Amino acid sequence: MNAVFSALAATALLVSAIIGLSAALSSGVSAEVRFGRNVRVGGHDFSNQSFNRKRRAEIYLYDRTPAGSGCVWRSDGRGGRVKTCHLRRIR
């Protein structure tokens, strides 16, 4: 009786692990951020821009004016582009 129960438990565990692994591999998570009208970050206009995993943004806000202020597009080394912005916070 114990051998049958342990065999069924091991089979159920194996089946649930396979189902969980296949669900994790098949469901790709993707997100996209779209800014609407009149969106400003640190005084810069980000209106009507969209970002996803191929086109990303890194925005750094500073209390004082940074040395290299502004935004620059750069390659991220994985086939995508990154908009890096060093901006002063407006209060």
N, C-alpha and C. Protein backbone atom coordinates (compact mmCIF):
# COMPACT_ATOMS: atom_id res chain seq x y z
N MET A 1 0.82 -1.19 0.00
CA MET A 1 0.00 0.00 0.00
C MET A 1 0.87 1.26 0.00
N ASN A 2 1.91 1.30 0.84
CA ASN A 2 2.78 2.46 0.90
C ASN A 2 3.56 2.64 -0.40
N ALA A 3 3.92 1.55 -1.05
CA ALA A 3 4.67 1.64 -2.31
C ALA A 3 3.80 2.23 -3.40
N VAL A 4 2.52 1.87 -3.43
CA VAL A 4 1.59 2.41 -4.43
C VAL A 4 1.36 3.90 -4.18
N PHE A 5 1.17 4.25 -2.91
CA PHE A 5 0.94 5.66 -2.57
C PHE A 5 2.16 6.51 -2.90
N SER A 6 3.35 6.04 -2.60
CA SER A 6 4.55 6.82 -2.89
C SER A 6 4.79 6.92 -4.40
N ALA A 7 4.44 5.88 -5.15
CA ALA A 7 4.58 5.94 -6.61
C ALA A 7 3.61 6.95 -7.20
N LEU A 8 2.37 6.98 -6.69
CA LEU A 8 1.38 7.96 -7.16
C LEU A 8 1.80 9.39 -6.79
N ALA A 9 2.34 9.57 -5.60
CA ALA A 9 2.79 10.90 -5.16
C ALA A 9 3.95 11.38 -6.02
N ALA A 10 4.88 10.47 -6.32
CA ALA A 10 6.02 10.85 -7.15
C ALA A 10 5.57 11.18 -8.57
N THR A 11 4.61 10.44 -9.11
CA THR A 11 4.08 10.72 -10.44
C THR A 11 3.36 12.05 -10.47
N ALA A 12 2.56 12.33 -9.44
CA ALA A 12 1.85 13.60 -9.39
C ALA A 12 2.81 14.78 -9.29
N LEU A 13 3.86 14.60 -8.51
CA LEU A 13 4.86 15.65 -8.38
C LEU A 13 5.58 15.90 -9.70
N LEU A 14 5.91 14.83 -10.40
CA LEU A 14 6.58 14.95 -11.69
C LEU A 14 5.69 15.63 -12.72
N VAL A 15 4.41 15.26 -12.76
CA VAL A 15 3.48 15.85 -13.72
C VAL A 15 3.28 17.33 -13.41
N SER A 16 3.14 17.69 -12.14
CA SER A 16 2.96 19.10 -11.79
C SER A 16 4.21 19.92 -12.11
N ALA A 17 5.39 19.34 -11.93
CA ALA A 17 6.62 20.06 -12.27
C ALA A 17 6.73 20.28 -13.77
N ILE A 18 6.35 19.28 -14.56
CA ILE A 18 6.40 19.44 -16.02
C ILE A 18 5.40 20.48 -16.48
N ILE A 19 4.19 20.48 -15.92
CA ILE A 19 3.19 21.48 -16.30
C ILE A 19 3.65 22.88 -15.91
N GLY A 20 4.20 23.02 -14.72
CA GLY A 20 4.68 24.33 -14.28
C GLY A 20 5.83 24.84 -15.13
N LEU A 21 6.74 23.95 -15.49
CA LEU A 21 7.88 24.34 -16.32
C LEU A 21 7.44 24.74 -17.72
N SER A 22 6.52 23.99 -18.30
CA SER A 22 6.05 24.33 -19.64
C SER A 22 5.26 25.63 -19.64
N ALA A 23 4.51 25.89 -18.59
CA ALA A 23 3.77 27.16 -18.49
C ALA A 23 4.73 28.32 -18.33
N ALA A 24 5.80 28.13 -17.56
CA ALA A 24 6.77 29.21 -17.35
C ALA A 24 7.54 29.52 -18.63
N LEU A 25 7.86 28.50 -19.40
CA LEU A 25 8.62 28.72 -20.62
C LEU A 25 7.77 29.28 -21.75
N SER A 26 6.49 28.93 -21.78
CA SER A 26 5.65 29.37 -22.89
C SER A 26 5.09 30.77 -22.70
N SER A 27 4.98 31.24 -21.47
CA SER A 27 4.39 32.55 -21.25
C SER A 27 5.49 33.60 -21.17
N GLY A 28 5.68 34.32 -22.25
CA GLY A 28 6.66 35.39 -22.25
C GLY A 28 6.03 36.67 -21.73
N VAL A 29 6.68 37.31 -20.81
CA VAL A 29 6.16 38.53 -20.23
C VAL A 29 6.69 39.71 -21.03
N SER A 30 5.79 40.54 -21.50
CA SER A 30 6.24 41.75 -22.18
C SER A 30 5.38 42.92 -21.70
N ALA A 31 6.00 44.06 -21.63
CA ALA A 31 5.29 45.25 -21.19
C ALA A 31 5.77 46.42 -22.03
N GLU A 32 4.90 47.37 -22.21
CA GLU A 32 5.24 48.57 -22.95
C GLU A 32 4.67 49.76 -22.20
N VAL A 33 5.47 50.79 -22.08
CA VAL A 33 5.04 52.02 -21.41
C VAL A 33 4.84 53.08 -22.48
N ARG A 34 3.67 53.66 -22.50
CA ARG A 34 3.39 54.74 -23.45
C ARG A 34 3.02 55.99 -22.67
N PHE A 35 3.74 57.05 -22.95
CA PHE A 35 3.43 58.33 -22.33
C PHE A 35 2.47 59.08 -23.23
N GLY A 36 1.49 59.73 -22.64
CA GLY A 36 0.49 60.46 -23.40
C GLY A 36 0.92 61.90 -23.65
N ARG A 37 -0.08 62.76 -23.71
CA ARG A 37 0.20 64.18 -23.99
C ARG A 37 0.66 64.90 -22.73
N ASN A 38 1.48 65.91 -22.93
CA ASN A 38 1.94 66.82 -21.88
C ASN A 38 2.63 66.11 -20.70
N VAL A 39 3.51 65.18 -21.01
CA VAL A 39 4.28 64.49 -19.97
C VAL A 39 5.67 65.09 -19.93
N ARG A 40 6.04 65.61 -18.76
CA ARG A 40 7.35 66.21 -18.60
C ARG A 40 8.04 65.58 -17.41
N VAL A 41 9.32 65.23 -17.61
CA VAL A 41 10.14 64.66 -16.53
C VAL A 41 11.38 65.53 -16.42
N GLY A 42 11.55 66.16 -15.28
CA GLY A 42 12.71 67.00 -15.06
C GLY A 42 12.82 68.14 -16.07
N GLY A 43 11.68 68.64 -16.54
CA GLY A 43 11.69 69.74 -17.50
C GLY A 43 11.80 69.29 -18.95
N HIS A 44 12.05 68.01 -19.20
CA HIS A 44 12.14 67.49 -20.56
C HIS A 44 10.80 66.94 -21.00
N ASP A 45 10.49 67.11 -22.27
CA ASP A 45 9.22 66.65 -22.82
C ASP A 45 9.33 65.18 -23.21
N PHE A 46 8.53 64.32 -22.56
CA PHE A 46 8.47 62.90 -22.89
C PHE A 46 7.13 62.53 -23.50
N SER A 47 6.43 63.50 -24.06
CA SER A 47 5.11 63.27 -24.63
C SER A 47 5.19 62.33 -25.82
N ASN A 48 4.18 61.44 -25.92
CA ASN A 48 3.98 60.53 -27.05
C ASN A 48 5.20 59.66 -27.35
N GLN A 49 5.91 59.24 -26.32
CA GLN A 49 7.02 58.30 -26.50
C GLN A 49 6.63 56.96 -25.90
N SER A 50 7.09 55.90 -26.48
CA SER A 50 6.81 54.57 -25.94
C SER A 50 8.13 53.82 -25.75
N PHE A 51 8.17 52.99 -24.71
CA PHE A 51 9.37 52.23 -24.39
C PHE A 51 8.97 50.79 -24.13
N ASN A 52 9.78 49.86 -24.60
CA ASN A 52 9.58 48.43 -24.37
C ASN A 52 10.94 47.80 -24.14
N ARG A 53 11.07 46.49 -24.30
CA ARG A 53 12.36 45.87 -23.97
C ARG A 53 13.42 46.11 -25.03
N LYS A 54 13.05 46.47 -26.24
CA LYS A 54 14.03 46.80 -27.28
C LYS A 54 14.38 48.28 -27.26
N ARG A 55 13.48 49.09 -26.77
CA ARG A 55 13.66 50.55 -26.73
C ARG A 55 13.38 50.98 -25.30
N ARG A 56 14.47 51.14 -24.52
CA ARG A 56 14.33 51.40 -23.09
C ARG A 56 14.74 52.82 -22.75
N ALA A 57 14.43 53.22 -21.52
CA ALA A 57 14.84 54.54 -21.03
C ALA A 57 15.38 54.39 -19.61
N GLU A 58 16.45 55.11 -19.35
CA GLU A 58 17.01 55.22 -18.00
C GLU A 58 17.07 56.70 -17.69
N ILE A 59 16.29 57.13 -16.70
CA ILE A 59 16.19 58.55 -16.37
C ILE A 59 16.74 58.75 -14.97
N TYR A 60 17.75 59.58 -14.86
CA TYR A 60 18.38 59.90 -13.58
C TYR A 60 18.04 61.35 -13.25
N LEU A 61 17.48 61.57 -12.04
CA LEU A 61 17.13 62.92 -11.60
C LEU A 61 18.09 63.36 -10.50
N TYR A 62 18.57 64.58 -10.61
CA TYR A 62 19.54 65.15 -9.67
C TYR A 62 18.97 66.42 -9.05
N ASP A 63 19.41 66.73 -7.83
CA ASP A 63 18.99 67.98 -7.18
C ASP A 63 19.72 69.17 -7.79
N ARG A 64 20.94 68.96 -8.23
CA ARG A 64 21.71 70.03 -8.90
C ARG A 64 21.88 69.68 -10.36
N THR A 65 22.35 70.62 -11.15
CA THR A 65 22.56 70.36 -12.57
C THR A 65 23.70 69.36 -12.75
N PRO A 66 23.45 68.23 -13.43
CA PRO A 66 24.52 67.24 -13.63
C PRO A 66 25.54 67.72 -14.65
N ALA A 67 26.71 67.12 -14.62
CA ALA A 67 27.79 67.53 -15.53
C ALA A 67 27.41 67.31 -16.98
N GLY A 68 26.89 66.16 -17.32
CA GLY A 68 26.48 65.88 -18.70
C GLY A 68 24.98 65.84 -18.80
N SER A 69 24.32 66.99 -18.68
CA SER A 69 22.86 67.00 -18.65
C SER A 69 22.29 66.79 -20.05
N GLY A 70 21.10 66.23 -20.09
CA GLY A 70 20.41 65.97 -21.35
C GLY A 70 20.20 64.50 -21.58
N CYS A 71 19.74 64.16 -22.78
CA CYS A 71 19.42 62.78 -23.14
C CYS A 71 20.26 62.33 -24.33
N VAL A 72 20.66 61.05 -24.31
CA VAL A 72 21.48 60.47 -25.36
C VAL A 72 20.97 59.07 -25.65
N TRP A 73 20.84 58.72 -26.95
CA TRP A 73 20.50 57.35 -27.34
C TRP A 73 21.78 56.55 -27.46
N ARG A 74 21.81 55.35 -26.86
CA ARG A 74 22.97 54.46 -26.93
C ARG A 74 22.51 53.04 -27.20
N SER A 75 23.41 52.23 -27.72
CA SER A 75 23.13 50.81 -27.92
C SER A 75 23.30 50.09 -26.60
N ASP A 76 22.44 49.10 -26.34
CA ASP A 76 22.55 48.37 -25.08
C ASP A 76 23.36 47.08 -25.22
N GLY A 77 23.86 46.78 -26.42
CA GLY A 77 24.68 45.60 -26.61
C GLY A 77 23.90 44.32 -26.83
N ARG A 78 22.55 44.40 -26.79
CA ARG A 78 21.72 43.22 -27.01
C ARG A 78 20.77 43.42 -28.18
N GLY A 79 21.08 44.36 -29.05
CA GLY A 79 20.22 44.62 -30.20
C GLY A 79 19.18 45.68 -29.96
N GLY A 80 19.18 46.31 -28.81
CA GLY A 80 18.22 47.35 -28.49
C GLY A 80 18.90 48.69 -28.29
N ARG A 81 18.08 49.69 -27.96
CA ARG A 81 18.60 51.03 -27.72
C ARG A 81 18.12 51.51 -26.36
N VAL A 82 18.96 52.35 -25.74
CA VAL A 82 18.64 52.89 -24.43
C VAL A 82 18.74 54.41 -24.50
N LYS A 83 17.69 55.07 -24.04
CA LYS A 83 17.72 56.54 -23.93
C LYS A 83 18.13 56.86 -22.50
N THR A 84 19.35 57.36 -22.35
CA THR A 84 19.88 57.69 -21.03
C THR A 84 19.76 59.20 -20.83
N CYS A 85 19.06 59.58 -19.77
CA CYS A 85 18.82 61.00 -19.49
C CYS A 85 19.33 61.34 -18.10
N HIS A 86 20.12 62.40 -18.02
CA HIS A 86 20.57 62.96 -16.75
C HIS A 86 19.93 64.34 -16.65
N LEU A 87 18.93 64.46 -15.76
CA LEU A 87 18.11 65.66 -15.69
C LEU A 87 18.12 66.24 -14.29
N ARG A 88 17.86 67.54 -14.23
CA ARG A 88 17.75 68.22 -12.95
C ARG A 88 16.30 68.20 -12.52
N ARG A 89 16.11 67.89 -11.25
CA ARG A 89 14.76 67.85 -10.68
C ARG A 89 14.21 69.27 -10.55
N ILE A 90 12.98 69.48 -10.95
CA ILE A 90 12.34 70.79 -10.84
C ILE A 90 11.41 70.76 -9.64
N ARG A 91 11.51 71.76 -8.81
CA ARG A 91 10.66 71.83 -7.61
C ARG A 91 9.73 72.98 -7.68
